[in-house]
Amino acid sequence: MNNLSEHHCDHSQNEALHDCYILGIISDTMMEHKAEIIVQCYSCKARFKVILDGIFSMCVHDFWEGNIIDDMSQYEWPNMPAEWLADVLHTNDTKDLIGKLAPDLDRIRDQKMILLHITPSYGCEIFALCKSIMVQELADD
């Protein structure tokens, strides 16, 4: 993830995009396994895009008006919480996750995928398994 510490609202690496609003998610089959999450800082109105590249699976819950980010975390194999893996891989059963999803888990490990989890303080929760995550500040209109 890009270092956001130079941003004038002093977003730091640990709290990158905390209290920003999720304005939209752009995902298109023409983007070849890419998605962009557009966010705006509440206090300074700066806009960012979180670019997810090489998406294997993505899950978005409760996208409403006024989605506020509490935390944005990244996990690498094998430190991915089982219940979040089950969610992003669209299964309800975490008991036999390894047995049922062994080919998927092998791919996640072999391709060094990252699990992104955006925790909301209100609204939208996002899980994504992808190869890379980059945050870019958007130019003012």
C-alpha atoms as a PDB file:
ATOM      1  CA  MET A   1       0.000   0.000   0.000  1.00  0.00           C
ATOM      2  CA  ASN A   2       1.283   3.487  -0.737  1.00  0.00           C
ATOM      3  CA  ASN A   3       2.395   5.539   2.237  1.00  0.00           C
ATOM      4  CA  LEU A   4      -0.305   8.096   3.005  1.00  0.00           C
ATOM      5  CA  SER A   5       1.629   9.865   5.748  1.00  0.00           C
ATOM      6  CA  GLU A   6       2.300  12.865   3.466  1.00  0.00           C
ATOM      7  CA  HIS A   7      -1.428  13.530   3.086  1.00  0.00           C
ATOM      8  CA  HIS A   8      -2.331  16.778   4.836  1.00  0.00           C
ATOM      9  CA  CYS A   9      -4.874  15.047   7.111  1.00  0.00           C
ATOM     10  CA  ASP A  10      -1.980  12.930   8.358  1.00  0.00           C
ATOM     11  CA  HIS A  11      -3.430   9.562   7.367  1.00  0.00           C
ATOM     12  CA  SER A  12      -0.817   7.092   8.572  1.00  0.00           C
ATOM     13  CA  GLN A  13       0.008   3.605   7.338  1.00  0.00           C
ATOM     14  CA  ASN A  14      -1.835   2.007  10.281  1.00  0.00           C
ATOM     15  CA  GLU A  15      -4.899   4.173  10.011  1.00  0.00           C
ATOM     16  CA  ALA A  16      -4.905   4.715   6.252  1.00  0.00           C
ATOM     17  CA  LEU A  17      -8.347   5.851   5.167  1.00  0.00           C
ATOM     18  CA  HIS A  18      -9.843   5.614   8.689  1.00  0.00           C
ATOM     19  CA  ASP A  19     -13.109   7.602   8.744  1.00  0.00           C
ATOM     20  CA  CYS A  20     -13.125   7.956   4.954  1.00  0.00           C
ATOM     21  CA  TYR A  21     -16.360   7.323   3.097  1.00  0.00           C
ATOM     22  CA  ILE A  22     -16.623   4.607   0.463  1.00  0.00           C
ATOM     23  CA  LEU A  23     -18.223   6.398  -2.480  1.00  0.00           C
ATOM     24  CA  GLY A  24     -18.266   3.527  -4.947  1.00  0.00           C
ATOM     25  CA  ILE A  25     -16.735   0.334  -6.250  1.00  0.00           C
ATOM     26  CA  ILE A  26     -15.760  -0.006  -9.893  1.00  0.00           C
ATOM     27  CA  SER A  27     -15.474  -3.567 -11.117  1.00  0.00           C
ATOM     28  CA  ASP A  28     -15.837  -4.480 -14.752  1.00  0.00           C
ATOM     29  CA  THR A  29     -15.081  -7.597 -16.777  1.00  0.00           C
ATOM     30  CA  MET A  30     -13.089  -5.347 -19.114  1.00  0.00           C
ATOM     31  CA  MET A  31     -10.741  -4.520 -16.211  1.00  0.00           C
ATOM     32  CA  GLU A  32      -9.436  -8.118 -16.179  1.00  0.00           C
ATOM     33  CA  HIS A  33      -9.690  -9.070 -12.510  1.00  0.00           C
ATOM     34  CA  LYS A  34      -9.245  -5.535 -11.188  1.00  0.00           C
ATOM     35  CA  ALA A  35     -11.437  -3.346  -9.030  1.00  0.00           C
ATOM     36  CA  GLU A  36     -11.204   0.172  -7.683  1.00  0.00           C
ATOM     37  CA  ILE A  37     -12.738   1.326  -4.404  1.00  0.00           C
ATOM     38  CA  ILE A  38     -13.287   5.091  -4.445  1.00  0.00           C
ATOM     39  CA  VAL A  39     -13.110   6.774  -1.028  1.00  0.00           C
ATOM     40  CA  GLN A  40     -13.218  10.328   0.281  1.00  0.00           C
ATOM     41  CA  CYS A  41     -11.710  11.713   3.476  1.00  0.00           C
ATOM     42  CA  TYR A  42     -14.386  13.148   5.746  1.00  0.00           C
ATOM     43  CA  SER A  43     -12.361  16.063   7.102  1.00  0.00           C
ATOM     44  CA  CYS A  44     -10.362  17.332   4.101  1.00  0.00           C
ATOM     45  CA  LYS A  45     -12.466  15.927   1.227  1.00  0.00           C
ATOM     46  CA  ALA A  46      -9.411  14.380  -0.506  1.00  0.00           C
ATOM     47  CA  ARG A  47     -10.317  11.403  -2.687  1.00  0.00           C
ATOM     48  CA  PHE A  48      -8.420   8.152  -3.049  1.00  0.00           C
ATOM     49  CA  LYS A  49      -8.774   4.980  -5.031  1.00  0.00           C
ATOM     50  CA  VAL A  50      -7.834   1.616  -3.619  1.00  0.00           C
ATOM     51  CA  ILE A  51      -6.757  -0.463  -6.615  1.00  0.00           C
ATOM     52  CA  LEU A  52      -7.096  -4.226  -6.280  1.00  0.00           C
ATOM     53  CA  ASP A  53      -5.215  -6.166  -8.954  1.00  0.00           C
ATOM     54  CA  GLY A  54      -5.378  -9.882  -9.698  1.00  0.00           C
ATOM     55  CA  ILE A  55      -8.650 -10.421  -7.857  1.00  0.00           C
ATOM     56  CA  PHE A  56      -9.412 -14.064  -7.185  1.00  0.00           C
ATOM     57  CA  SER A  57     -12.586 -13.422  -5.180  1.00  0.00           C
ATOM     58  CA  MET A  58     -14.342 -10.406  -3.684  1.00  0.00           C
ATOM     59  CA  CYS A  59     -17.308 -10.011  -1.357  1.00  0.00           C
ATOM     60  CA  VAL A  60     -19.119  -6.756  -0.512  1.00  0.00           C
ATOM     61  CA  HIS A  61     -21.717  -6.638   2.263  1.00  0.00           C
ATOM     62  CA  ASP A  62     -24.219  -3.864   3.043  1.00  0.00           C
ATOM     63  CA  PHE A  63     -23.209  -1.161   0.586  1.00  0.00           C
ATOM     64  CA  TRP A  64     -25.368   1.780   1.601  1.00  0.00           C
ATOM     65  CA  GLU A  65     -25.236   5.543   1.405  1.00  0.00           C
ATOM     66  CA  GLY A  66     -22.633   6.889   3.832  1.00  0.00           C
ATOM     67  CA  ASN A  67     -20.280   3.896   4.156  1.00  0.00           C
ATOM     68  CA  ILE A  68     -17.579   4.810   6.680  1.00  0.00           C
ATOM     69  CA  ILE A  69     -14.262   2.936   6.989  1.00  0.00           C
ATOM     70  CA  ASP A  70     -13.141   2.018  10.491  1.00  0.00           C
ATOM     71  CA  ASP A  71     -10.106  -0.053   9.508  1.00  0.00           C
ATOM     72  CA  MET A  72      -8.415  -1.432   6.416  1.00  0.00           C
ATOM     73  CA  SER A  73      -6.284  -4.535   7.084  1.00  0.00           C
ATOM     74  CA  GLN A  74      -4.212  -6.863   4.909  1.00  0.00           C
ATOM     75  CA  TYR A  75      -3.339 -10.485   5.663  1.00  0.00           C
ATOM     76  CA  GLU A  76      -0.939 -12.902   3.987  1.00  0.00           C
ATOM     77  CA  TRP A  77      -1.067 -16.702   4.008  1.00  0.00           C
ATOM     78  CA  PRO A  78      -1.210 -18.428   6.503  1.00  0.00           C
ATOM     79  CA  ASN A  79      -2.379 -15.555   8.727  1.00  0.00           C
ATOM     80  CA  MET A  80      -5.797 -15.151   7.095  1.00  0.00           C
ATOM     81  CA  PRO A  81      -8.715 -15.606   9.529  1.00  0.00           C
ATOM     82  CA  ALA A  82     -10.676 -18.732   8.546  1.00  0.00           C
ATOM     83  CA  GLU A  83     -14.096 -17.098   8.890  1.00  0.00           C
ATOM     84  CA  TRP A  84     -13.069 -14.289   6.506  1.00  0.00           C
ATOM     85  CA  LEU A  85     -11.615 -16.766   4.014  1.00  0.00           C
ATOM     86  CA  ALA A  86     -14.883 -18.691   4.138  1.00  0.00           C
ATOM     87  CA  ASP A  87     -16.807 -15.471   3.478  1.00  0.00           C
ATOM     88  CA  VAL A  88     -14.688 -14.287   0.556  1.00  0.00           C
ATOM     89  CA  LEU A  89     -14.718 -17.814  -0.936  1.00  0.00           C
ATOM     90  CA  HIS A  90     -18.512 -17.927  -0.556  1.00  0.00           C
ATOM     91  CA  THR A  91     -18.877 -20.832   1.830  1.00  0.00           C
ATOM     92  CA  ASN A  92     -20.619 -20.947   5.203  1.00  0.00           C
ATOM     93  CA  ASP A  93     -18.628 -23.842   6.592  1.00  0.00           C
ATOM     94  CA  THR A  94     -15.369 -23.001   8.364  1.00  0.00           C
ATOM     95  CA  LYS A  95     -15.120 -26.456  10.012  1.00  0.00           C
ATOM     96  CA  ASP A  96     -13.783 -28.221   6.931  1.00  0.00           C
ATOM     97  CA  LEU A  97     -12.451 -25.186   5.083  1.00  0.00           C
ATOM     98  CA  ILE A  98      -9.147 -26.855   4.239  1.00  0.00           C
ATOM     99  CA  GLY A  99     -10.778 -30.065   3.007  1.00  0.00           C
ATOM    100  CA  LYS A 100     -13.435 -28.382   0.865  1.00  0.00           C
ATOM    101  CA  LEU A 101     -11.340 -25.577  -0.530  1.00  0.00           C
ATOM    102  CA  ALA A 102      -7.887 -27.182  -0.783  1.00  0.00           C
ATOM    103  CA  PRO A 103      -7.368 -26.226  -4.479  1.00  0.00           C
ATOM    104  CA  ASP A 104      -8.369 -22.619  -3.748  1.00  0.00           C
ATOM    105  CA  LEU A 105      -6.142 -22.459  -0.668  1.00  0.00           C
ATOM    106  CA  ASP A 106      -3.213 -23.894  -2.663  1.00  0.00           C
ATOM    107  CA  ARG A 107      -3.713 -21.162  -5.272  1.00  0.00           C
ATOM    108  CA  ILE A 108      -3.903 -18.456  -2.575  1.00  0.00           C
ATOM    109  CA  ARG A 109      -0.646 -19.700  -1.046  1.00  0.00           C
ATOM    110  CA  ASP A 110       1.208 -20.342  -4.315  1.00  0.00           C
ATOM    111  CA  GLN A 111       0.270 -16.994  -5.856  1.00  0.00           C
ATOM    112  CA  LYS A 112       1.022 -15.123  -2.607  1.00  0.00           C
ATOM    113  CA  MET A 113      -2.398 -13.521  -2.515  1.00  0.00           C
ATOM    114  CA  ILE A 114      -3.415 -10.888   0.006  1.00  0.00           C
ATOM    115  CA  LEU A 115      -6.679 -10.848   1.932  1.00  0.00           C
ATOM    116  CA  LEU A 116      -8.004  -7.289   2.225  1.00  0.00           C
ATOM    117  CA  HIS A 117     -10.593  -6.595   4.902  1.00  0.00           C
ATOM    118  CA  ILE A 118     -12.283  -3.217   5.145  1.00  0.00           C
ATOM    119  CA  THR A 119     -14.141  -2.999   8.439  1.00  0.00           C
ATOM    120  CA  PRO A 120     -16.917  -0.430   8.579  1.00  0.00           C
ATOM    121  CA  SER A 121     -17.908   1.810  11.413  1.00  0.00           C
ATOM    122  CA  TYR A 122     -21.077   2.135   9.329  1.00  0.00           C
ATOM    123  CA  GLY A 123     -22.253   0.351   6.206  1.00  0.00           C
ATOM    124  CA  CYS A 124     -20.062  -1.496   3.763  1.00  0.00           C
ATOM    125  CA  GLU A 125     -17.750  -4.378   4.700  1.00  0.00           C
ATOM    126  CA  ILE A 126     -15.388  -5.611   1.992  1.00  0.00           C
ATOM    127  CA  PHE A 127     -13.324  -8.786   1.672  1.00  0.00           C
ATOM    128  CA  ALA A 128     -11.052  -9.341  -1.326  1.00  0.00           C
ATOM    129  CA  LEU A 129      -8.410 -11.904  -2.249  1.00  0.00           C
ATOM    130  CA  CYS A 130      -6.007 -10.349  -4.732  1.00  0.00           C
ATOM    131  CA  LYS A 131      -2.377 -10.205  -5.797  1.00  0.00           C
ATOM    132  CA  SER A 132      -1.740  -6.546  -5.016  1.00  0.00           C
ATOM    133  CA  ILE A 133      -3.274  -3.497  -3.352  1.00  0.00           C
ATOM    134  CA  MET A 134      -2.334   0.082  -4.095  1.00  0.00           C
ATOM    135  CA  VAL A 135      -3.781   3.350  -2.768  1.00  0.00           C
ATOM    136  CA  GLN A 136      -3.578   6.476  -4.918  1.00  0.00           C
ATOM    137  CA  GLU A 137      -4.720   9.985  -4.100  1.00  0.00           C
ATOM    138  CA  LEU A 138      -6.909  11.364  -6.882  1.00  0.00           C
ATOM    139  CA  ALA A 139      -6.297  14.820  -8.288  1.00  0.00           C
ATOM    140  CA  ASP A 140      -8.746  17.577  -7.392  1.00  0.00           C
ATOM    141  CA  ASP A 141     -11.447  18.169  -9.988  1.00  0.00           C
END
